[in-house]
N, C-alpha and C. Protein backbone atom coordinates (compact mmCIF):
# COMPACT_ATOMS: atom_id res chain seq x y z
N MET A 1 0.79 -1.70 0.17
CA MET A 1 0.02 0.24 0.03
C MET A 1 1.48 0.95 0.27
N SER A 2 0.23 2.45 -0.11
CA SER A 2 1.25 3.75 0.12
C SER A 2 1.56 4.05 1.27
N ALA A 3 2.68 4.39 1.16
CA ALA A 3 3.33 4.65 3.03
C ALA A 3 3.49 6.03 2.85
N PRO A 4 3.47 6.86 3.79
CA PRO A 4 3.66 8.51 3.84
C PRO A 4 4.75 8.25 4.10
N THR A 5 4.90 9.74 3.29
CA THR A 5 6.45 9.89 2.75
C THR A 5 7.05 10.70 3.03
N ALA A 6 6.86 11.87 4.07
CA ALA A 6 7.19 12.55 4.53
C ALA A 6 6.44 13.10 5.55
N PRO A 7 6.52 12.93 7.04
CA PRO A 7 5.46 12.92 7.88
C PRO A 7 4.50 13.99 8.40
N ARG A 8 5.62 15.30 8.13
CA ARG A 8 4.00 16.76 7.65
C ARG A 8 3.55 16.64 6.46
N GLY A 9 4.09 15.82 5.94
CA GLY A 9 3.39 15.67 4.23
C GLY A 9 3.98 17.42 3.65
N TRP A 10 3.91 17.28 2.41
CA TRP A 10 4.30 18.09 1.45
C TRP A 10 3.73 19.66 1.44
N GLN A 11 4.83 20.51 1.28
CA GLN A 11 3.68 22.05 1.13
C GLN A 11 2.56 21.93 -0.25
N ASP A 12 4.12 21.96 -1.83
CA ASP A 12 3.21 22.12 -2.40
C ASP A 12 2.96 20.53 -3.02
N ALA A 13 2.31 20.43 -4.05
CA ALA A 13 1.84 19.75 -5.60
C ALA A 13 1.19 20.55 -6.47
N TYR A 14 2.51 19.73 -7.96
CA TYR A 14 1.97 20.04 -8.75
C TYR A 14 1.50 18.90 -9.68
N GLU A 15 0.86 18.76 -10.46
CA GLU A 15 0.32 18.09 -11.21
C GLU A 15 1.75 18.14 -12.80
N LEU A 16 2.13 17.31 -13.11
CA LEU A 16 3.41 17.82 -14.40
C LEU A 16 2.70 17.11 -15.61
N PRO A 17 1.46 18.44 -16.38
CA PRO A 17 0.63 18.10 -17.19
C PRO A 17 1.36 17.03 -18.46
N ASP A 18 1.12 16.56 -19.28
CA ASP A 18 1.37 15.64 -20.46
C ASP A 18 2.47 14.81 -20.18
N PHE A 19 3.05 14.45 -19.18
CA PHE A 19 4.27 13.89 -18.95
C PHE A 19 4.33 12.84 -19.66
N PHE A 20 3.55 11.94 -18.98
CA PHE A 20 3.69 10.88 -20.36
C PHE A 20 3.45 10.25 -21.31
N GLU A 21 3.20 11.80 -21.90
CA GLU A 21 2.51 11.53 -23.64
C GLU A 21 4.16 12.42 -23.80
N ARG A 22 5.06 12.63 -23.17
CA ARG A 22 6.02 14.01 -23.25
C ARG A 22 7.05 12.64 -23.45
N LEU A 23 6.90 11.84 -22.95
CA LEU A 23 7.74 10.38 -22.33
C LEU A 23 8.01 9.99 -23.69
N GLU A 24 6.59 9.42 -23.77
CA GLU A 24 6.42 8.34 -24.66
C GLU A 24 7.11 9.40 -26.42
N ALA A 25 7.12 10.32 -26.13
CA ALA A 25 7.49 11.16 -27.92
C ALA A 25 9.04 11.29 -27.39
N SER A 26 9.40 11.53 -26.88
CA SER A 26 10.96 11.46 -26.63
C SER A 26 11.52 10.63 -26.39
N GLY A 27 10.64 9.36 -26.10
CA GLY A 27 11.53 7.91 -25.47
C GLY A 27 12.37 7.53 -24.35
N GLY A 28 12.35 8.90 -23.52
CA GLY A 28 13.42 9.15 -22.36
C GLY A 28 13.63 10.91 -21.72
N ILE A 29 13.53 10.69 -20.43
CA ILE A 29 12.80 11.57 -19.01
C ILE A 29 14.40 11.83 -17.95
N PRO A 30 16.00 12.38 -18.29
CA PRO A 30 16.57 12.21 -17.24
C PRO A 30 15.87 13.50 -16.16
N VAL A 31 15.55 12.92 -15.04
CA VAL A 31 15.16 13.88 -13.57
C VAL A 31 15.40 14.69 -13.81
N LEU A 32 17.25 15.16 -13.61
CA LEU A 32 17.80 16.27 -13.61
C LEU A 32 17.78 17.36 -14.46
N GLU A 33 17.22 16.46 -16.14
CA GLU A 33 17.04 17.73 -17.36
C GLU A 33 15.79 18.04 -16.97
N LEU A 34 14.39 17.24 -16.15
CA LEU A 34 13.88 17.48 -15.87
C LEU A 34 13.66 18.33 -15.28
N LEU A 35 14.23 18.76 -14.41
CA LEU A 35 14.23 19.20 -13.37
C LEU A 35 14.95 20.69 -13.50
N GLU A 36 16.06 20.77 -13.94
CA GLU A 36 16.72 22.06 -15.08
C GLU A 36 15.72 22.38 -15.43
N ASP A 37 14.69 21.91 -16.44
CA ASP A 37 14.18 23.06 -17.39
C ASP A 37 12.98 23.11 -16.62
N LEU A 38 12.38 22.62 -15.71
CA LEU A 38 11.40 23.39 -14.05
C LEU A 38 11.30 24.62 -14.02
N ASN A 39 12.86 24.48 -13.70
CA ASN A 39 13.85 25.52 -12.98
C ASN A 39 13.74 26.86 -14.00
N GLU A 40 14.10 26.23 -15.16
CA GLU A 40 14.47 27.49 -16.25
C GLU A 40 12.49 28.21 -16.90
N ARG A 41 11.66 27.17 -16.29
CA ARG A 41 10.81 27.49 -17.43
C ARG A 41 9.48 28.49 -16.13
N SER A 42 9.49 28.08 -14.37
CA SER A 42 9.04 28.44 -13.71
C SER A 42 9.90 28.75 -12.47
N ASP A 43 11.48 28.52 -12.88
CA ASP A 43 11.84 29.75 -11.49
C ASP A 43 11.64 29.29 -10.25
N LEU A 44 11.93 27.91 -10.62
CA LEU A 44 11.58 27.10 -9.08
C LEU A 44 12.13 27.16 -7.71
N GLY A 45 13.11 27.60 -8.50
CA GLY A 45 14.69 27.52 -7.33
C GLY A 45 14.76 25.77 -6.94
N LEU A 46 14.95 24.66 -7.73
CA LEU A 46 14.94 23.27 -7.02
C LEU A 46 16.33 23.06 -7.70
N GLU A 47 16.80 22.48 -6.07
CA GLU A 47 18.60 22.63 -6.76
C GLU A 47 18.38 20.72 -6.25
N ALA A 48 19.91 20.07 -6.67
CA ALA A 48 19.54 18.55 -7.32
C ALA A 48 21.00 18.00 -7.45
N ASP A 49 21.50 17.55 -6.31
CA ASP A 49 22.79 16.90 -6.70
C ASP A 49 22.69 15.27 -6.80
N GLY A 50 21.11 14.30 -6.57
CA GLY A 50 21.02 13.44 -6.47
C GLY A 50 19.52 12.94 -5.96
N VAL A 51 19.44 11.91 -6.63
CA VAL A 51 18.12 10.91 -6.01
C VAL A 51 18.28 9.87 -5.03
N VAL A 52 16.47 9.99 -4.71
CA VAL A 52 16.77 8.08 -4.07
C VAL A 52 15.05 7.99 -4.52
N TYR A 53 15.20 6.79 -5.31
CA TYR A 53 14.25 6.18 -5.63
C TYR A 53 13.06 5.67 -4.46
N HIS A 54 12.15 5.63 -4.53
CA HIS A 54 11.18 5.17 -3.69
C HIS A 54 10.55 4.72 -4.29
N ASP A 55 10.36 2.96 -3.46
CA ASP A 55 9.02 1.85 -3.69
C ASP A 55 8.96 1.31 -2.55
N ARG A 56 7.50 1.87 -2.25
CA ARG A 56 6.77 1.41 -0.32
C ARG A 56 7.57 1.46 0.31
N GLY A 57 8.16 2.35 0.46
CA GLY A 57 9.74 2.02 1.74
C GLY A 57 11.18 1.71 1.44
N ILE A 58 11.21 0.94 0.07
CA ILE A 58 12.44 0.61 -0.31
C ILE A 58 13.26 1.90 -0.41
N ARG A 59 14.41 2.30 -0.27
CA ARG A 59 15.02 3.52 -1.11
C ARG A 59 16.52 3.21 -1.75
N VAL A 60 16.42 3.84 -2.17
CA VAL A 60 17.77 3.59 -3.57
C VAL A 60 18.45 4.78 -3.24
N PRO A 61 19.63 4.93 -3.43
CA PRO A 61 20.50 6.63 -3.66
C PRO A 61 20.77 6.37 -5.15
N GLY A 62 20.75 7.70 -6.05
CA GLY A 62 21.00 7.35 -7.13
C GLY A 62 21.93 8.86 -8.17
N TYR A 63 22.99 9.09 -8.50
CA TYR A 63 23.45 10.22 -9.01
C TYR A 63 22.25 11.30 -10.08
N ASN A 64 21.56 9.71 -10.59
CA ASN A 64 20.28 10.69 -11.47
C ASN A 64 19.24 9.19 -12.21
N ALA A 65 18.65 9.44 -12.58
CA ALA A 65 17.13 8.35 -12.63
C ALA A 65 16.71 8.73 -13.63
N THR A 66 16.05 8.05 -14.77
CA THR A 66 16.10 8.23 -16.31
C THR A 66 14.42 7.29 -16.55
N PHE A 67 13.43 8.48 -16.64
CA PHE A 67 12.25 7.54 -17.99
C PHE A 67 11.98 7.29 -18.77
N VAL A 68 11.61 5.59 -18.91
CA VAL A 68 12.10 5.10 -20.14
C VAL A 68 10.92 4.92 -21.11
N HIS A 69 10.36 5.48 -21.80
CA HIS A 69 9.15 4.87 -22.66
C HIS A 69 8.87 3.04 -23.16
N GLU A 70 8.57 2.39 -22.90
CA GLU A 70 8.91 0.22 -23.32
C GLU A 70 7.69 0.66 -24.01
N PRO A 71 7.11 1.22 -25.71
CA PRO A 71 6.20 0.60 -26.07
C PRO A 71 5.62 -0.67 -26.49
N ALA A 72 6.48 -1.95 -26.29
CA ALA A 72 6.13 -3.08 -26.12
C ALA A 72 6.87 -3.76 -24.46
N GLY A 73 6.27 -3.42 -24.28
CA GLY A 73 6.97 -3.47 -22.57
C GLY A 73 6.39 -5.06 -21.79
N ALA A 74 7.12 -5.62 -21.13
CA ALA A 74 6.83 -6.57 -20.17
C ALA A 74 5.76 -6.88 -20.26
N ARG A 75 5.61 -8.48 -20.23
CA ARG A 75 4.13 -9.43 -20.82
C ARG A 75 3.68 -9.32 -21.75
N GLY A 76 3.65 -8.83 -22.79
CA GLY A 76 3.43 -7.85 -23.94
C GLY A 76 2.45 -6.69 -24.32
N ARG A 77 2.41 -5.82 -22.69
CA ARG A 77 2.08 -4.33 -22.59
C ARG A 77 2.88 -3.38 -22.53
N PRO A 78 2.08 -2.38 -23.40
CA PRO A 78 3.09 -1.04 -23.23
C PRO A 78 3.43 -1.00 -21.67
N ALA A 79 4.37 -0.52 -21.41
CA ALA A 79 4.57 0.10 -20.06
C ALA A 79 5.88 1.20 -20.10
N PHE A 80 6.16 1.80 -19.73
CA PHE A 80 7.84 2.69 -19.26
C PHE A 80 8.66 2.46 -17.70
N SER A 81 9.77 2.46 -18.11
CA SER A 81 10.28 1.91 -16.66
C SER A 81 11.03 3.45 -16.00
N VAL A 82 12.14 3.02 -14.72
CA VAL A 82 12.26 3.92 -14.31
C VAL A 82 13.52 3.28 -13.62
N GLU A 83 14.88 4.16 -14.45
CA GLU A 83 16.30 3.67 -14.43
C GLU A 83 17.33 4.24 -13.40
N VAL A 84 17.54 3.93 -12.51
CA VAL A 84 18.56 4.66 -11.50
C VAL A 84 20.28 4.54 -11.60
N ASP A 85 20.33 5.58 -12.11
CA ASP A 85 22.14 5.64 -11.70
C ASP A 85 22.32 5.70 -10.40
N THR A 86 22.48 4.29 -9.93
CA THR A 86 23.07 3.97 -8.23
C THR A 86 24.33 4.39 -7.99
N VAL A 87 24.16 4.56 -6.57
CA VAL A 87 25.88 4.58 -5.94
C VAL A 87 25.86 3.52 -5.68
N GLY A 88 27.35 2.90 -6.10
CA GLY A 88 28.21 2.08 -5.49
C GLY A 88 27.90 1.32 -7.16
N PRO A 89 28.36 0.07 -6.67
CA PRO A 89 28.33 -1.53 -7.89
C PRO A 89 26.15 -2.17 -7.73
N ARG A 90 25.49 -0.77 -7.97
CA ARG A 90 24.15 -1.22 -7.41
C ARG A 90 23.19 -0.98 -8.25
N ASN A 91 22.30 -1.79 -8.57
CA ASN A 91 21.01 -2.28 -10.37
C ASN A 91 19.88 -1.74 -9.84
N THR A 92 19.49 -0.85 -10.25
CA THR A 92 17.83 -0.21 -9.55
C THR A 92 17.06 -0.05 -10.60
N TRP A 93 16.23 -0.59 -11.50
CA TRP A 93 15.29 -0.49 -12.19
C TRP A 93 13.71 -0.93 -11.63
N ALA A 94 12.96 -0.63 -12.38
CA ALA A 94 11.58 -0.97 -12.10
C ALA A 94 10.64 -0.70 -13.49
N LYS A 95 9.82 -1.48 -13.40
CA LYS A 95 8.56 -1.22 -14.95
C LYS A 95 7.66 -1.48 -14.65
N PHE A 96 6.55 -0.43 -14.98
CA PHE A 96 5.37 0.03 -14.57
C PHE A 96 4.43 0.09 -15.99
N ASP A 97 3.07 -0.54 -15.73
CA ASP A 97 2.31 -1.02 -16.47
C ASP A 97 1.25 0.27 -17.05
N GLY A 98 1.98 0.15 -18.58
CA GLY A 98 1.64 2.05 -19.26
C GLY A 98 0.29 1.56 -19.58
N THR A 99 -0.70 0.51 -19.75
CA THR A 99 -2.25 0.94 -19.60
C THR A 99 -3.04 1.35 -18.36
N ASN A 100 -2.20 0.98 -16.99
CA ASN A 100 -2.66 1.72 -16.31
C ASN A 100 -2.57 3.27 -16.06
N SER A 101 -3.88 4.25 -15.89
CA SER A 101 -3.58 5.92 -16.55
C SER A 101 -2.83 6.48 -14.97
N TRP A 102 -1.91 7.34 -15.31
CA TRP A 102 -0.69 7.51 -14.43
C TRP A 102 -0.58 8.87 -14.33
N ASP A 103 -0.25 9.96 -13.61
CA ASP A 103 0.20 11.34 -13.63
C ASP A 103 1.06 11.48 -12.59
N ALA A 104 1.72 12.42 -13.08
CA ALA A 104 3.15 12.53 -12.62
C ALA A 104 2.88 14.15 -12.17
N TYR A 105 3.50 14.29 -10.38
CA TYR A 105 3.17 15.29 -9.98
C TYR A 105 4.66 15.46 -9.39
N LEU A 106 5.16 17.24 -9.26
CA LEU A 106 6.28 17.52 -8.36
C LEU A 106 5.94 18.32 -7.06
N LEU A 107 6.77 17.88 -6.19
CA LEU A 107 6.11 18.04 -4.88
C LEU A 107 7.42 18.90 -4.06
N ARG A 108 6.70 19.96 -3.24
CA ARG A 108 7.58 20.59 -2.50
C ARG A 108 7.42 20.76 -1.35
N THR A 109 8.42 20.97 -0.59
CA THR A 109 8.30 21.41 1.12
C THR A 109 9.64 21.61 1.34
N GLN A 110 9.95 22.21 2.75
CA GLN A 110 11.09 23.57 3.11
C GLN A 110 12.25 22.40 2.90
N GLY A 111 13.39 22.47 2.05
CA GLY A 111 15.04 21.48 1.91
C GLY A 111 14.68 20.50 1.46
N LEU A 112 13.33 19.35 0.35
CA LEU A 112 13.16 18.54 -0.32
C LEU A 112 12.20 18.97 -1.06
N SER A 113 11.86 17.76 -2.49
CA SER A 113 11.27 18.61 -3.16
C SER A 113 11.34 16.57 -3.72
N ALA A 114 10.22 16.39 -4.61
CA ALA A 114 10.47 14.54 -5.23
C ALA A 114 9.84 14.93 -6.54
N ILE A 115 9.78 13.83 -7.45
CA ILE A 115 8.96 13.38 -8.35
C ILE A 115 8.07 12.34 -8.02
N ALA A 116 6.47 12.52 -7.76
CA ALA A 116 5.73 11.06 -7.55
C ALA A 116 5.02 10.63 -8.65
N TRP A 117 5.23 9.53 -8.65
CA TRP A 117 3.53 9.33 -9.74
C TRP A 117 2.85 8.23 -9.31
N LEU A 118 1.38 8.16 -9.78
CA LEU A 118 0.49 7.17 -8.63
C LEU A 118 -0.81 7.26 -9.78
N SER A 119 -1.32 5.97 -9.68
CA SER A 119 -1.87 5.67 -10.79
C SER A 119 -3.41 6.15 -10.81
N ASP A 120 -4.27 6.43 -11.09
CA ASP A 120 -5.84 6.17 -10.98
C ASP A 120 -6.69 5.11 -10.27
N GLU A 121 -5.55 3.85 -10.75
CA GLU A 121 -5.98 2.55 -10.02
C GLU A 121 -6.31 2.38 -8.70
N GLU A 122 -4.55 3.35 -8.29
CA GLU A 122 -4.00 2.76 -7.06
C GLU A 122 -5.09 3.58 -6.16
N TYR A 123 -5.13 4.95 -6.39
CA TYR A 123 -5.71 6.08 -5.88
C TYR A 123 -7.23 5.48 -6.01
N GLN A 124 -7.55 4.54 -6.69
CA GLN A 124 -9.29 5.06 -6.12
C GLN A 124 -9.06 3.09 -5.81
N VAL A 125 -8.30 2.46 -5.47
CA VAL A 125 -8.68 1.65 -4.01
C VAL A 125 -7.93 2.18 -2.43
N GLU A 126 -7.08 2.81 -2.51
CA GLU A 126 -6.12 2.92 -1.50
C GLU A 126 -6.72 3.85 -0.45
N GLU A 127 -6.73 5.18 -1.83
CA GLU A 127 -7.33 6.73 -1.09
C GLU A 127 -8.30 7.36 -1.43
N ALA A 128 -9.21 6.96 -2.40
CA ALA A 128 -10.29 7.72 -2.90
C ALA A 128 -11.48 8.09 -1.44
N GLU A 129 -11.19 7.41 -1.03
CA GLU A 129 -12.07 7.21 0.49
C GLU A 129 -11.36 8.35 1.59
N GLN A 130 -10.42 8.51 1.46
CA GLN A 130 -9.95 9.81 2.60
C GLN A 130 -9.55 10.99 1.49
N PHE A 131 -9.13 10.83 0.02
CA PHE A 131 -8.03 12.64 -0.71
C PHE A 131 -9.78 12.09 -1.60
N SER A 132 -9.96 13.31 -1.65
CA SER A 132 -11.03 13.65 -3.20
C SER A 132 -10.20 14.12 -3.96
N SER A 133 -8.72 13.69 -4.57
CA SER A 133 -8.63 13.87 -5.59
C SER A 133 -7.03 13.59 -5.50
N LYS A 134 -6.33 13.13 -6.60
CA LYS A 134 -4.82 12.28 -6.53
C LYS A 134 -4.53 13.51 -5.65
N GLN A 135 -4.05 14.97 -6.13
CA GLN A 135 -3.04 15.92 -5.77
C GLN A 135 -3.21 15.67 -4.67
N ASP A 136 -4.38 15.77 -4.25
CA ASP A 136 -4.84 15.95 -2.46
C ASP A 136 -3.84 14.79 -1.82
N ALA A 137 -4.46 13.99 -2.45
CA ALA A 137 -3.60 12.41 -1.73
C ALA A 137 -2.30 12.26 -2.27
N VAL A 138 -1.37 12.88 -3.29
CA VAL A 138 0.25 12.57 -3.24
C VAL A 138 0.45 14.13 -2.04
N LEU A 139 -0.16 15.39 -1.81
CA LEU A 139 0.56 15.68 -1.27
C LEU A 139 0.48 15.63 -0.02
N ASN A 140 -0.39 15.04 1.13
CA ASN A 140 -0.20 13.77 1.97
C ASN A 140 0.62 12.78 2.16
N GLY A 141 1.87 12.43 0.75
CA GLY A 141 2.87 11.86 0.97
C GLY A 141 2.19 9.82 1.06
N ARG A 142 0.52 10.16 0.32
CA ARG A 142 -0.15 9.10 0.18
C ARG A 142 0.38 8.25 -1.42
N PHE A 143 1.97 7.81 -1.92
CA PHE A 143 1.96 7.57 -2.89
C PHE A 143 2.64 6.70 -3.24
N SER A 144 3.17 5.20 -3.17
CA SER A 144 4.09 4.02 -3.75
C SER A 144 5.15 4.32 -4.48
N PHE A 145 5.45 5.45 -5.59
CA PHE A 145 6.63 5.49 -6.66
C PHE A 145 6.65 6.61 -6.34
N GLY A 146 7.73 6.91 -5.93
CA GLY A 146 8.79 8.33 -5.98
C GLY A 146 10.41 8.67 -6.10
N LEU A 147 10.68 9.53 -6.48
CA LEU A 147 12.00 10.05 -7.00
C LEU A 147 12.09 11.16 -5.86
N PHE A 148 12.76 10.68 -5.13
CA PHE A 148 12.98 12.42 -4.11
C PHE A 148 14.36 13.00 -4.43
N ILE A 149 14.08 14.65 -4.00
CA ILE A 149 15.40 14.88 -4.60
C ILE A 149 16.29 15.69 -3.75
N HIS A 150 17.62 15.47 -3.78
CA HIS A 150 18.24 15.88 -2.34
C HIS A 150 19.28 16.62 -2.86
N ALA A 151 19.70 17.47 -1.59
CA ALA A 151 21.44 18.48 -2.41
C ALA A 151 22.16 18.85 -1.13
N GLY A 152 23.18 18.99 -1.03
CA GLY A 152 24.20 19.30 -0.49
C GLY A 152 24.41 18.63 1.05
N ASP A 153 24.59 19.11 2.19
CA ASP A 153 24.25 17.95 2.73
C ASP A 153 23.96 17.09 2.88
N ASP A 154 22.84 17.13 2.57
CA ASP A 154 21.58 16.04 2.90
C ASP A 154 21.55 14.56 1.75
N TRP A 155 22.49 15.38 1.18
CA TRP A 155 23.10 14.33 -0.20
C TRP A 155 23.71 13.17 0.02
N ASP A 156 24.43 13.97 0.37
CA ASP A 156 26.26 14.00 0.86
C ASP A 156 25.70 12.59 2.25
N GLU A 157 24.68 12.98 3.18
CA GLU A 157 24.43 12.10 3.93
C GLU A 157 23.66 10.64 3.36
N GLN A 158 22.89 11.04 2.31
CA GLN A 158 22.24 10.09 1.99
C GLN A 158 23.33 8.51 0.98
N VAL A 159 24.90 9.40 0.53
CA VAL A 159 25.91 8.52 -0.18
C VAL A 159 26.50 7.92 1.03
N GLU A 160 26.45 8.67 1.63
CA GLU A 160 27.61 8.01 2.94
C GLU A 160 27.00 6.72 3.98
N ARG A 161 25.30 7.06 3.87
CA ARG A 161 24.59 5.76 4.34
C ARG A 161 24.91 5.01 3.47
N ILE A 162 24.71 4.37 2.14
CA ILE A 162 24.47 3.38 1.46
C ILE A 162 25.96 2.70 1.10
N GLN A 163 26.66 3.25 1.16
CA GLN A 163 28.08 3.37 1.23
C GLN A 163 28.42 2.76 2.25
N ARG A 164 28.25 1.84 3.53
CA ARG A 164 27.72 2.19 4.80
C ARG A 164 27.41 0.23 4.65
N THR A 165 26.75 -0.42 3.85
CA THR A 165 26.37 -1.70 3.44
C THR A 165 26.90 -2.55 1.98
N ASP A 166 26.63 -3.25 2.17
CA ASP A 166 26.36 -3.95 1.40
C ASP A 166 25.47 -4.47 0.81
N ALA A 167 24.25 -3.97 1.10
CA ALA A 167 22.99 -4.55 0.62
C ALA A 167 22.60 -3.44 -0.35
N PRO A 168 21.62 -3.61 -1.38
CA PRO A 168 21.20 -2.85 -2.59
C PRO A 168 20.11 -1.65 -1.94
N ALA A 169 19.75 -1.30 -0.76
CA ALA A 169 19.12 -0.74 -0.79
C ALA A 169 18.88 -0.86 0.90
N TYR A 170 17.57 0.59 1.36
CA TYR A 170 17.85 0.86 2.54
C TYR A 170 16.13 0.75 2.74
N LEU A 171 15.64 0.84 4.00
CA LEU A 171 14.34 0.99 4.55
C LEU A 171 13.73 1.93 5.31
N GLN A 172 12.62 2.72 4.96
CA GLN A 172 12.36 4.09 5.75
C GLN A 172 10.82 3.84 6.38
N GLY A 173 10.47 3.57 7.52
CA GLY A 173 9.67 3.66 7.78
C GLY A 173 8.56 5.22 7.56
N GLU A 174 7.80 4.61 8.21
CA GLU A 174 6.62 5.49 8.13
C GLU A 174 6.63 6.90 8.53
N ASP A 175 7.41 6.20 9.94
CA ASP A 175 7.84 7.63 11.37
C ASP A 175 9.04 8.38 10.84
N GLY A 176 9.48 7.86 9.64
CA GLY A 176 11.13 8.15 9.07
C GLY A 176 12.12 7.14 9.82
N SER A 177 11.76 6.03 10.83
CA SER A 177 12.89 4.96 11.24
C SER A 177 13.92 4.89 9.81
N VAL A 178 15.24 4.01 9.71
CA VAL A 178 15.59 3.87 8.86
C VAL A 178 16.16 2.54 9.83
N VAL A 179 16.11 1.80 8.69
CA VAL A 179 16.61 0.23 8.52
C VAL A 179 18.04 -0.08 7.39
N LEU A 180 19.08 -0.34 7.98
CA LEU A 180 20.07 -0.39 6.92
C LEU A 180 20.47 -2.48 7.24
N PRO A 181 19.83 -2.94 6.01
CA PRO A 181 20.25 -4.18 6.09
C PRO A 181 21.94 -4.19 6.08
N SER A 182 22.48 -5.20 6.12
CA SER A 182 23.97 -5.99 5.35
C SER A 182 24.68 -6.36 4.52
N THR A 183 23.66 -6.61 3.63
CA THR A 183 23.83 -8.20 2.38
C THR A 183 22.55 -8.20 1.89
N GLN A 184 22.13 -8.38 0.37
CA GLN A 184 21.10 -8.70 -0.45
C GLN A 184 20.87 -9.47 0.33
N SER A 185 20.97 -10.55 1.11
CA SER A 185 20.11 -11.51 1.63
C SER A 185 19.48 -11.32 2.76
N GLU A 186 20.44 -10.10 3.44
CA GLU A 186 19.58 -10.14 4.24
C GLU A 186 18.11 -8.88 4.37
N PHE A 187 18.57 -8.14 3.03
CA PHE A 187 17.39 -7.29 2.60
C PHE A 187 15.86 -7.96 2.15
N TYR A 188 16.56 -9.35 1.69
CA TYR A 188 14.81 -9.89 1.34
C TYR A 188 14.59 -10.82 2.35
N GLN A 189 15.20 -10.83 3.35
CA GLN A 189 14.55 -10.80 4.69
C GLN A 189 13.44 -10.41 4.70
N TYR A 190 13.99 -8.82 5.18
CA TYR A 190 13.28 -7.35 5.26
C TYR A 190 11.98 -7.15 4.59
N VAL A 191 11.90 -7.57 3.65
CA VAL A 191 11.05 -7.66 2.49
C VAL A 191 9.83 -8.75 2.63
N ASP A 192 10.63 -9.18 3.13
CA ASP A 192 9.74 -10.79 2.95
C ASP A 192 9.27 -11.56 1.79
N SER A 193 10.77 -11.65 1.28
CA SER A 193 10.24 -12.09 -0.04
C SER A 193 11.63 -12.66 -0.32
N SER A 194 11.45 -14.38 -1.54
CA SER A 194 12.59 -14.74 -1.99
C SER A 194 13.15 -13.88 -3.84
N PRO A 195 13.99 -14.02 -4.39
CA PRO A 195 14.09 -13.21 -5.76
C PRO A 195 13.82 -12.86 -6.18
N THR A 196 13.85 -14.68 -6.86
CA THR A 196 12.27 -14.70 -7.83
C THR A 196 10.93 -13.55 -7.65
N SER A 197 10.40 -13.80 -6.90
CA SER A 197 8.96 -13.25 -6.74
C SER A 197 9.40 -11.28 -6.39
N PHE A 198 10.25 -11.17 -6.34
CA PHE A 198 10.97 -9.73 -5.89
C PHE A 198 10.69 -8.96 -7.46
N ARG A 199 11.78 -10.37 -7.90
CA ARG A 199 11.48 -9.11 -9.24
C ARG A 199 10.73 -9.75 -9.86
N THR A 200 9.36 -10.51 -10.19
CA THR A 200 8.75 -10.18 -11.23
C THR A 200 7.09 -10.01 -10.84
N SER A 201 7.66 -9.35 -9.15
CA SER A 201 6.45 -9.01 -9.03
C SER A 201 6.40 -7.72 -7.82
N GLY A 202 7.54 -7.79 -7.53
CA GLY A 202 8.09 -6.51 -6.81
C GLY A 202 7.31 -7.11 -4.96
N GLY A 203 7.72 -8.36 -4.72
CA GLY A 203 7.97 -8.98 -3.83
C GLY A 203 5.63 -9.31 -3.30
N GLY A 204 5.44 -9.63 -4.77
CA GLY A 204 3.95 -9.49 -4.70
C GLY A 204 2.83 -8.25 -4.43
N ALA A 205 3.45 -7.26 -5.12
CA ALA A 205 3.02 -6.29 -5.25
C ALA A 205 1.51 -6.83 -6.00
N PRO A 206 0.68 -5.70 -5.55
CA PRO A 206 -1.06 -6.13 -5.89
C PRO A 206 -0.90 -5.16 -7.49
N SER A 207 -1.96 -5.99 -7.83
CA SER A 207 -2.11 -6.09 -9.56
C SER A 207 -2.05 -4.19 -10.10
N TYR A 208 -3.32 -4.16 -8.75
CA TYR A 208 -3.44 -2.14 -8.94
C TYR A 208 -2.56 -1.36 -9.38
N LEU A 209 -1.06 -2.04 -8.54
CA LEU A 209 -0.01 -0.69 -8.31
C LEU A 209 0.89 -0.52 -9.82
N GLY A 210 0.58 -1.48 -10.57
CA GLY A 210 1.00 -1.53 -12.28
C GLY A 210 2.16 -1.64 -12.22
N LEU A 211 3.15 -2.40 -11.09
CA LEU A 211 4.39 -2.97 -11.18
C LEU A 211 4.08 -4.35 -12.19
N LEU A 212 5.40 -4.29 -12.83
CA LEU A 212 5.85 -5.10 -13.50
C LEU A 212 6.55 -6.07 -12.98
N GLU A 213 7.68 -5.61 -12.81
CA GLU A 213 9.49 -5.96 -12.41
C GLU A 213 9.89 -5.26 -11.62
N LEU A 214 10.84 -5.71 -11.22
CA LEU A 214 11.51 -4.44 -9.81
C LEU A 214 13.29 -5.28 -9.83
N GLU A 215 13.98 -4.64 -10.18
CA GLU A 215 15.36 -5.00 -10.36
C GLU A 215 15.68 -3.84 -9.02
N ILE A 216 16.43 -4.51 -7.78
CA ILE A 216 17.01 -4.31 -6.52
C ILE A 216 18.07 -5.19 -5.93
N THR A 217 19.52 -4.07 -6.70
CA THR A 217 19.97 -5.98 -6.53
C THR A 217 21.77 -5.19 -6.41
N ILE A 218 23.08 -5.67 -5.58
CA ILE A 218 24.26 -5.37 -5.77
C ILE A 218 25.04 -6.50 -6.54
N ASP A 219 26.39 -6.26 -7.42
CA ASP A 219 26.93 -7.32 -7.59
C ASP A 219 27.61 -7.81 -6.55
């Protein structure tokens, strides 16, 4: 399910209009280039030295990430993927069902911003009873997938944290607490999944999340 990603919520949530149409037209959108474009067009003052991929509380720091359009995706469906330029010898990418109805949002609060994507399907199942719109849901931190944007000392802290372990990722709870596994096998124990199940279904992710495949490993 979605998990609150900022204990105090976000101050601003802006829908990125036609994001997935632009992704299909261009074939790929690097996140740091997207932020530069948003700064140039809207003078948002976004600062970025790196990103942290968020998947239901799993966190993977990377120097950049790229959205990739995949017209003939996994299992014969249109799809898009998010590929992370990870810190260290890690491999992180996720593939999503392009037949779901997705919207992308820019979120901001003091000292932190994020790109989140949420489908109509997830919203209807998990959030519609509590929030009047998808934008209201993500404003309150209710999204399963996103990229947190870090700069300066905050980014240095992310790099130092992941370099202390031989695990492919760390985990962050709803209360902000951090779990740092020591190895890849310990990581699978924490997420309660086998390597095969994790790769092919994101560790048993419900179908309405639209997650087709997930790779989070370390060489």
